[in-house]
Protein backbone atom coordinates (compact mmCIF):
# COMPACT_ATOMS: atom_id res chain seq x y z
CA UNK A 1 27.47 7.88 19.05
CA UNK A 2 24.22 9.49 20.30
CA UNK A 3 20.74 8.14 20.92
CA UNK A 4 18.76 5.98 18.59
CA UNK A 5 15.00 6.26 18.57
CA UNK A 6 13.44 2.83 17.85
CA UNK A 7 9.82 2.95 16.45
CA UNK A 8 7.55 -0.10 16.04
CA UNK A 9 4.25 1.03 14.64
CA UNK A 10 1.05 -1.16 14.39
CA UNK A 11 -2.53 -0.60 13.64
CA UNK A 12 -3.45 0.73 17.05
CA UNK A 13 -0.23 1.59 18.63
CA UNK A 14 3.22 3.05 18.24
CA UNK A 15 5.76 1.53 20.58
CA UNK A 16 9.15 3.09 20.97
CA UNK A 17 12.49 2.80 22.76
CA UNK A 18 15.31 5.27 23.31
CA UNK A 19 18.68 3.57 23.23
CA UNK A 20 22.21 4.94 23.88
CA UNK A 21 24.62 3.04 21.58
CA UNK A 22 28.27 4.00 22.42
CA UNK A 23 31.27 1.96 21.24
CA UNK A 24 33.15 2.70 24.63
CA UNK A 25 30.22 2.56 27.14
CA UNK A 26 28.26 -0.07 25.29
CA UNK A 27 24.42 -0.22 24.91
CA UNK A 28 22.00 1.36 27.36
CA UNK A 29 18.23 1.56 27.15
CA UNK A 30 17.10 4.97 28.46
CA UNK A 31 13.34 4.63 28.02
CA UNK A 32 10.61 2.37 26.57
CA UNK A 33 7.01 3.37 26.04
CA UNK A 34 3.89 3.34 23.74
CA UNK A 35 0.99 5.26 22.56
CA UNK A 36 -1.88 2.62 22.58
CA UNK A 37 -5.51 2.94 21.38
CA UNK A 38 -4.85 4.85 18.16
CA UNK A 39 -8.27 6.06 16.80
CA UNK A 40 -10.02 4.84 20.02
CA UNK A 41 -9.12 5.92 23.44
CA UNK A 42 -5.49 6.68 23.36
CA UNK A 43 -3.27 5.83 26.22
CA UNK A 44 0.37 6.98 26.77
CA UNK A 45 2.97 5.31 28.94
CA UNK A 46 6.64 5.39 29.25
CA UNK A 47 9.19 3.78 31.66
CA UNK A 48 12.64 5.27 32.10
CA UNK A 49 15.77 3.28 32.89
CA UNK A 50 15.85 4.59 36.39
CA UNK A 51 12.43 3.23 36.95
CA UNK A 52 10.37 6.49 36.54
CA UNK A 53 6.93 5.93 35.04
CA UNK A 54 5.08 8.59 33.07
CA UNK A 55 1.52 7.38 32.38
CA UNK A 56 -1.50 9.43 31.62
CA UNK A 57 -4.13 10.51 29.14
CA UNK A 58 -2.69 13.44 27.01
CA UNK A 59 -5.66 13.51 24.74
CA UNK A 60 -9.34 14.02 25.16
CA UNK A 61 -11.36 10.82 25.64
CA UNK A 62 -12.33 9.44 22.24
CA UNK A 63 -9.96 11.75 20.33
CA UNK A 64 -8.80 10.44 16.92
CA UNK A 65 -5.11 10.00 17.36
CA UNK A 66 -2.99 9.11 14.23
CA UNK A 67 0.53 7.74 13.86
CA UNK A 68 1.75 11.22 13.19
CA UNK A 69 0.05 12.63 16.40
CA UNK A 70 1.42 9.71 18.44
CA UNK A 71 5.05 10.17 17.11
CA UNK A 72 4.75 14.06 17.59
CA UNK A 73 3.94 13.26 21.33
CA UNK A 74 6.94 10.90 21.55
CA UNK A 75 9.29 13.56 20.03
CA UNK A 76 7.93 16.18 22.48
CA UNK A 77 8.60 13.81 25.44
CA UNK A 78 12.22 13.11 24.14
CA UNK A 79 12.75 16.80 23.57
CA UNK A 80 11.76 17.49 27.18
CA UNK A 81 13.74 14.81 28.73
CA UNK A 82 16.89 14.45 26.64
CA UNK A 83 16.68 17.05 23.82
CA UNK A 84 15.94 16.19 20.14
CA UNK A 85 19.51 17.22 19.26
CA UNK A 86 20.75 14.12 21.00
CA UNK A 87 19.15 11.84 18.37
CA UNK A 88 21.49 10.34 15.98
CA UNK A 89 18.90 8.34 13.93
CA UNK A 90 15.58 6.59 14.17
CA UNK A 91 15.32 2.90 13.43
CA UNK A 92 12.00 1.25 12.33
CA UNK A 93 10.78 -2.31 12.42
CA UNK A 94 9.36 -3.02 8.91
CA UNK A 95 7.72 -6.23 8.68
CA UNK A 96 8.38 -7.06 4.99
CA UNK A 97 11.62 -6.52 3.06
CA UNK A 98 10.60 -8.78 0.17
CA UNK A 99 13.33 -10.35 -1.94
CA UNK A 100 15.34 -7.17 -2.40
CA UNK A 101 15.86 -5.84 1.17
CA UNK A 102 17.95 -8.44 3.02
CA UNK A 103 19.70 -5.88 5.32
CA UNK A 104 18.94 -2.75 7.06
CA UNK A 105 18.89 0.40 4.84
CA UNK A 106 18.70 4.13 5.21
CA UNK A 107 15.29 5.37 4.04
CA UNK A 108 15.18 7.57 0.92
CA UNK A 109 12.45 8.44 -1.56
CA UNK A 110 13.34 5.74 -3.94
CA UNK A 111 13.49 2.80 -1.55
CA UNK A 112 10.36 3.99 0.13
CA UNK A 113 8.47 3.55 -3.06
CA UNK A 114 9.86 -0.03 -3.30
CA UNK A 115 8.65 -0.69 0.24
CA UNK A 116 5.26 0.60 -0.63
CA UNK A 117 5.09 -1.92 -3.42
CA UNK A 118 5.54 -4.69 -0.88
CA UNK A 119 2.30 -3.86 0.88
CA UNK A 120 0.15 -6.65 -0.75
CA UNK A 121 2.60 -9.17 0.79
CA UNK A 122 1.83 -7.70 4.37
CA UNK A 123 -1.33 -5.72 4.08
CA UNK A 124 -2.06 -5.76 7.88
CA UNK A 125 1.41 -4.57 8.90
CA UNK A 126 3.35 -2.76 6.17
CA UNK A 127 1.07 0.26 5.84
CA UNK A 128 1.35 1.04 9.55
CA UNK A 129 5.15 0.70 9.36
CA UNK A 130 5.28 3.17 6.39
CA UNK A 131 2.92 5.51 8.12
CA UNK A 132 5.25 6.02 11.03
CA UNK A 133 8.17 6.59 8.60
CA UNK A 134 6.10 9.18 6.62
CA UNK A 135 5.18 10.93 9.84
CA UNK A 136 8.73 11.12 11.01
CA UNK A 137 9.84 12.54 7.83
CA UNK A 138 7.31 15.34 8.26
CA UNK A 139 7.99 16.03 11.91
CA UNK A 140 11.75 15.67 11.86
CA UNK A 141 12.93 15.88 8.15
CA UNK A 142 16.69 16.07 8.95
CA UNK A 143 16.65 12.99 11.24
CA UNK A 144 18.16 10.06 9.41
CA UNK A 145 15.70 6.95 9.29
CA UNK A 146 16.81 3.31 9.11
CA UNK A 147 14.48 0.39 8.14
CA UNK A 148 15.16 -2.95 9.79
CA UNK A 149 13.19 -5.93 8.32
CA UNK A 150 11.66 -8.89 10.02
CA UNK A 151 12.21 -10.86 6.88
CA UNK A 152 15.81 -10.15 6.36
CA UNK A 153 17.31 -12.63 8.85
CA UNK A 154 15.70 -15.42 6.86
CA UNK A 155 17.52 -14.62 3.63
CA UNK A 156 20.05 -17.32 4.46
CA UNK A 157 17.37 -20.04 3.99
CA UNK A 158 18.13 -22.33 1.00
CA UNK A 159 15.85 -22.35 -2.05
CA UNK A 160 14.55 -25.64 -0.97
CA UNK A 161 13.19 -24.28 2.27
CA UNK A 162 11.59 -21.16 0.81
CA UNK A 163 9.79 -22.38 -2.34
CA UNK A 164 6.21 -23.57 -2.51
CA UNK A 165 5.19 -26.36 -4.98
CA UNK A 166 3.54 -23.77 -7.24
CA UNK A 167 4.08 -23.04 -10.87
CA UNK A 168 7.43 -21.28 -11.55
CA UNK A 169 5.52 -18.22 -13.05
CA UNK A 170 3.83 -17.63 -9.58
CA UNK A 171 7.09 -18.22 -7.64
CA UNK A 172 8.78 -15.65 -9.89
CA UNK A 173 6.35 -13.14 -8.76
CA UNK A 174 7.45 -13.37 -5.21
CA UNK A 175 5.01 -15.97 -3.76
CA UNK A 176 7.35 -17.86 -1.56
CA UNK A 177 8.29 -18.36 2.12
CA UNK A 178 9.81 -15.17 3.62
CA UNK A 179 9.73 -15.88 7.35
CA UNK A 180 9.09 -13.23 10.18
CA UNK A 181 10.22 -12.44 13.70
CA UNK A 182 13.72 -12.13 12.21
CA UNK A 183 14.88 -9.30 14.47
CA UNK A 184 13.85 -11.49 17.46
CA UNK A 185 15.78 -14.45 16.11
CA UNK A 186 18.77 -12.32 15.22
CA UNK A 187 18.89 -10.93 18.84
CA UNK A 188 18.63 -14.40 20.26
CA UNK A 189 21.27 -15.69 18.02
CA UNK A 190 23.67 -12.84 19.19
CA UNK A 191 22.80 -13.43 22.88
CA UNK A 192 23.59 -17.31 22.38
CA UNK A 193 26.84 -16.41 20.78
CA UNK A 194 27.80 -14.75 23.91
CA UNK A 195 26.29 -17.05 26.38
CA UNK A 196 27.12 -20.54 24.78
CA UNK A 197 29.50 -20.12 21.80
CA UNK A 198 29.67 -23.90 21.26
CA UNK A 199 25.98 -24.15 20.97
CA UNK A 200 25.67 -21.18 18.81
CA UNK A 201 27.84 -22.92 16.25
CA UNK A 202 25.57 -25.89 16.35
CA UNK A 203 21.99 -26.80 15.38
CA UNK A 204 19.51 -24.77 17.48
CA UNK A 205 15.67 -24.28 17.27
CA UNK A 206 14.42 -20.97 18.69
CA UNK A 207 10.79 -20.76 19.84
CA UNK A 208 9.39 -17.35 19.64
CA UNK A 209 6.10 -17.81 21.44
CA UNK A 210 3.66 -14.94 22.04
CA UNK A 211 0.53 -13.58 20.51
CA UNK A 212 2.40 -14.20 17.30
CA UNK A 213 4.47 -17.42 17.42
CA UNK A 214 6.86 -19.18 15.18
CA UNK A 215 9.91 -21.46 15.29
CA UNK A 216 13.24 -20.88 13.54
CA UNK A 217 15.98 -23.51 12.90
CA UNK A 218 19.52 -22.07 13.20
CA UNK A 219 22.67 -23.69 11.90
CA UNK A 220 25.71 -21.93 13.01
CA UNK A 221 23.52 -18.81 13.95
CA UNK A 222 21.93 -18.60 10.43
CA UNK A 223 18.26 -19.24 9.58
CA UNK A 224 17.84 -22.39 7.50
CA UNK A 225 14.18 -22.91 8.02
CA UNK A 226 11.16 -21.33 9.75
CA UNK A 227 7.37 -21.92 10.38
CA UNK A 228 6.01 -18.64 9.10
CA UNK A 229 5.91 -18.45 5.30
CA UNK A 230 4.44 -16.07 2.83
CA UNK A 231 2.70 -14.28 5.63
CA UNK A 232 2.68 -14.03 9.36
CA UNK A 233 -0.52 -16.26 9.33
CA UNK A 234 1.42 -19.39 8.52
CA UNK A 235 2.98 -22.06 10.89
CA UNK A 236 2.08 -22.42 14.51
CA UNK A 237 -1.20 -21.71 16.06
CA UNK A 238 -1.09 -18.26 17.71
CA UNK A 239 -3.06 -16.02 20.03
CA UNK A 240 -5.84 -15.07 17.37
CA UNK A 241 -4.26 -16.50 14.16
CA UNK A 242 -4.92 -20.05 13.02
CA UNK A 243 -1.42 -20.83 11.64
CA UNK A 244 -1.17 -23.50 8.99
CA UNK A 245 -4.48 -24.77 7.54
CA UNK A 246 -5.61 -26.87 4.67
CA UNK A 247 -6.31 -24.38 1.82
CA UNK A 248 -9.40 -26.22 0.93
CA UNK A 249 -10.90 -25.05 4.26
CA UNK A 250 -10.77 -21.60 2.74
CA UNK A 251 -12.57 -22.67 -0.31
CA UNK A 252 -15.15 -24.42 1.72
CA UNK A 253 -15.78 -21.37 3.92
CA UNK A 254 -16.33 -19.10 0.85
CA UNK A 255 -18.29 -21.54 -1.30
CA UNK A 256 -20.32 -23.55 1.20
CA UNK A 257 -20.65 -21.19 4.15
CA UNK A 258 -20.86 -18.09 1.88
CA UNK A 259 -18.11 -16.08 3.70
CA UNK A 260 -16.47 -13.31 1.76
CA UNK A 261 -12.61 -13.15 1.31
CA UNK A 262 -12.59 -10.26 3.83
CA UNK A 263 -14.50 -12.26 6.45
CA UNK A 264 -12.25 -15.34 5.93
CA UNK A 265 -9.25 -13.13 6.46
CA UNK A 266 -10.65 -11.62 9.51
CA UNK A 267 -11.50 -15.01 10.99
CA UNK A 268 -8.03 -16.47 10.35
CA UNK A 269 -6.16 -13.43 11.59
CA UNK A 270 -8.37 -12.19 14.51
CA UNK A 271 -10.81 -14.90 15.64
CA UNK A 272 -8.81 -18.19 15.50
CA UNK A 273 -5.96 -19.56 17.42
CA UNK A 274 -5.99 -19.71 21.23
CA UNK A 275 -9.10 -17.29 21.23
CA UNK A 276 -11.09 -19.24 18.66
CA UNK A 277 -10.49 -22.59 20.08
CA UNK A 278 -11.02 -21.81 23.71
CA UNK A 279 -13.86 -19.24 22.93
CA UNK A 280 -12.45 -17.22 25.89
CA UNK A 281 -9.16 -15.58 25.39
CA UNK A 282 -5.93 -15.24 23.46
CA UNK A 283 -3.97 -14.76 26.57
CA UNK A 284 -2.34 -17.85 27.88
CA UNK A 285 -2.45 -16.64 31.44
CA UNK A 286 -6.29 -16.43 31.23
CA UNK A 287 -6.47 -19.87 29.69
CA UNK A 288 -4.15 -21.54 32.40
CA UNK A 289 -6.45 -20.06 35.16
CA UNK A 290 -9.55 -21.34 33.41
CA UNK A 291 -8.21 -24.73 32.34
CA UNK A 292 -9.06 -26.78 35.45
CA UNK A 293 -12.75 -26.00 34.96
CA UNK A 294 -12.92 -25.29 31.31
CA UNK A 295 -12.32 -28.19 28.77
CA UNK A 296 -12.21 -25.68 25.80
CA UNK A 297 -9.39 -23.69 27.50
CA UNK A 298 -7.58 -27.03 28.17
CA UNK A 299 -8.06 -28.04 24.51
CA UNK A 300 -6.61 -24.69 23.23
CA UNK A 301 -3.48 -25.10 25.38
CA UNK A 302 -3.15 -28.75 24.41
CA UNK A 303 -3.39 -27.97 20.58
CA UNK A 304 -1.03 -24.97 20.98
CA UNK A 305 1.55 -27.38 22.58
CA UNK A 306 0.92 -30.12 20.08
CA UNK A 307 1.56 -27.91 17.04
CA UNK A 308 4.82 -26.60 18.60
CA UNK A 309 6.10 -30.13 19.22
CA UNK A 310 5.06 -31.30 15.85
CA UNK A 311 6.85 -28.34 14.04
CA UNK A 312 9.88 -28.73 16.22
CA UNK A 313 10.08 -32.27 14.84
CA UNK A 314 9.95 -31.02 11.33
CA UNK A 315 12.80 -28.54 11.94
CA UNK A 316 14.86 -31.20 13.56
CA UNK A 317 14.55 -33.05 10.31
CA UNK A 318 15.48 -29.95 8.27
CA UNK A 319 18.49 -29.38 10.56
CA UNK A 320 19.54 -33.08 10.49
CA UNK A 321 19.51 -33.17 14.23
CA UNK A 322 19.41 -30.81 17.22
CA UNK A 323 21.93 -29.52 19.84
CA UNK A 324 19.66 -27.02 21.70
CA UNK A 325 16.40 -25.23 22.07
CA UNK A 326 15.76 -21.55 23.13
CA UNK A 327 12.39 -20.18 24.37
CA UNK A 328 11.64 -16.53 23.97
CA UNK A 329 8.93 -13.82 23.86
CA UNK A 330 5.90 -13.40 25.99
CA UNK A 331 4.68 -17.06 26.39
CA UNK A 332 8.14 -18.67 25.88
CA UNK A 333 9.74 -16.55 28.55
CA UNK A 334 6.88 -16.71 31.19
CA UNK A 335 4.97 -19.84 30.82
CA UNK A 336 6.92 -22.50 32.76
CA UNK A 337 4.23 -25.27 32.22
CA UNK A 338 4.39 -24.84 28.53
CA UNK A 339 8.21 -25.20 28.56
CA UNK A 340 8.11 -28.32 30.68
CA UNK A 341 5.45 -29.86 28.40
CA UNK A 342 7.53 -29.13 25.27
CA UNK A 343 10.79 -30.38 26.85
CA UNK A 344 9.21 -33.54 28.32
CA UNK A 345 7.77 -34.17 24.85
CA UNK A 346 11.35 -33.91 23.41
CA UNK A 347 12.97 -36.54 25.61
CA UNK A 348 13.51 -38.59 22.43
CA UNK A 349 15.68 -35.81 21.13
CA UNK A 350 18.01 -35.75 24.15
CA UNK A 351 16.29 -33.08 26.30
CA UNK A 352 16.02 -33.68 30.16
CA UNK A 353 14.16 -30.95 32.04
CA UNK A 354 15.52 -29.27 34.98
CA UNK A 355 12.20 -28.73 36.73
CA UNK A 356 13.51 -26.53 39.55
CA UNK A 357 15.46 -24.23 37.14
CA UNK A 358 12.41 -24.04 34.84
CA UNK A 359 9.93 -23.10 37.55
CA UNK A 360 12.41 -20.50 39.02
CA UNK A 361 12.83 -18.86 35.52
CA UNK A 362 16.50 -19.66 35.17
CA UNK A 363 18.18 -19.21 31.80
CA UNK A 364 19.44 -22.85 31.50
CA UNK A 365 16.58 -25.15 32.13
CA UNK A 366 17.84 -28.62 31.34
CA UNK A 367 20.15 -30.78 33.48
CA UNK A 368 23.91 -31.31 32.79
CA UNK A 369 24.51 -33.95 30.13
CA UNK A 370 21.17 -33.15 28.33
CA UNK A 371 20.73 -31.38 25.07
CA UNK A 372 20.84 -27.66 26.24
CA UNK A 373 17.63 -25.67 26.43
CA UNK A 374 17.45 -21.93 27.45
CA UNK A 375 14.94 -19.35 28.45
CA UNK A 376 16.30 -16.08 27.09
CA UNK A 377 14.63 -12.59 26.86
CA UNK A 378 14.37 -11.27 23.31
CA UNK A 379 14.93 -7.49 22.60
CA UNK A 380 14.01 -6.54 19.06
CA UNK A 381 14.28 -2.81 19.83
CA UNK A 382 17.97 -3.33 20.84
CA UNK A 383 18.64 -5.13 17.68
CA UNK A 384 17.26 -2.32 15.70
CA UNK A 385 19.25 0.18 17.59
CA UNK A 386 22.34 -1.77 16.92
CA UNK A 387 21.63 -1.91 13.18
CA UNK A 388 20.87 1.68 13.07
CA UNK A 389 23.99 2.83 14.88
CA UNK A 390 26.12 0.62 12.74
CA UNK A 391 24.76 1.75 9.58
CA UNK A 392 25.13 5.44 10.57
CA UNK A 393 28.77 4.79 11.60
CA UNK A 394 29.56 3.12 8.26
CA UNK A 395 28.02 5.96 6.34
CA UNK A 396 30.01 8.50 8.31
CA UNK A 397 33.37 7.05 7.26
């Protein structure tokens, strides 16, 4: 099949993975890396599958590095180590697909214009995703590019789960729940299908807990409800994002406290969540270390835990029951104390923690006879590579 270059471009970084997808040999990640600090002090790092690490400062301190320059450096590294002619396609994470893009697509001029039109729905993410696509078209114009959408997995949600109680004229203009982290949820669903087919066919909640956090209710492997909505700001409390908030708070901030809409947006996206409540950090590891001596850190952790438990209860109601729970992403995979608190808070739903398995980082973390809970690593890059390889194979027929 050849190699798939996976790109995930944000405001200050371009992350990449190089994946060999072969029908006979299976999937193999050859390298993973990033250019961080775009526009500031750029840093380059890559780890190859055999463990070799290439890290350094390829640009002058303080140099202005754009998405295009970062991708050019990634391509040069690939050419040096594998040869650009080995690339079959490039797959991109694109945050928003709107109502039209419910499956991966090969990028062309006409659908690029449609994706640009979705920028108002994801103004903090979509422009950077599209900048990487534009840059790669300039740098490697013959390389096929595939867009994979964070919203697409949630296209199976029923109308009742995606609509707000707003006038129909507003809903008709695309103001509705879309849901995000879809590539992560899709990967976890596929992993669960292989690991526990019976549970995959049942009612499962996946907790994607990291700097960005959300929950997804799966019924037979399909999304039926999720906590993020119109934007990636909705739902759970996160690292720096507030999550769900009474809309009247925003009116109050603007009318009584004289904040501009831009200042409110910055506060809710970048200064709230774990960081805002603790006044210390958005990093759960830092908060855990500080919690014994810092009430604000403890309160941030307690609020994060409470919001997760409350929204799990809501999704259990939406599912009409629960058979299993999966923890994934940075906090979900690495914070044993949080997993224990969540599962102990769900005894009423049939979960019984296996404390030893949880502390040791096992995959199954509940005892026999209990509702099943797992700790599974997500891999959005591999999901994008799979989609890209499949789409290229279909178009080659």
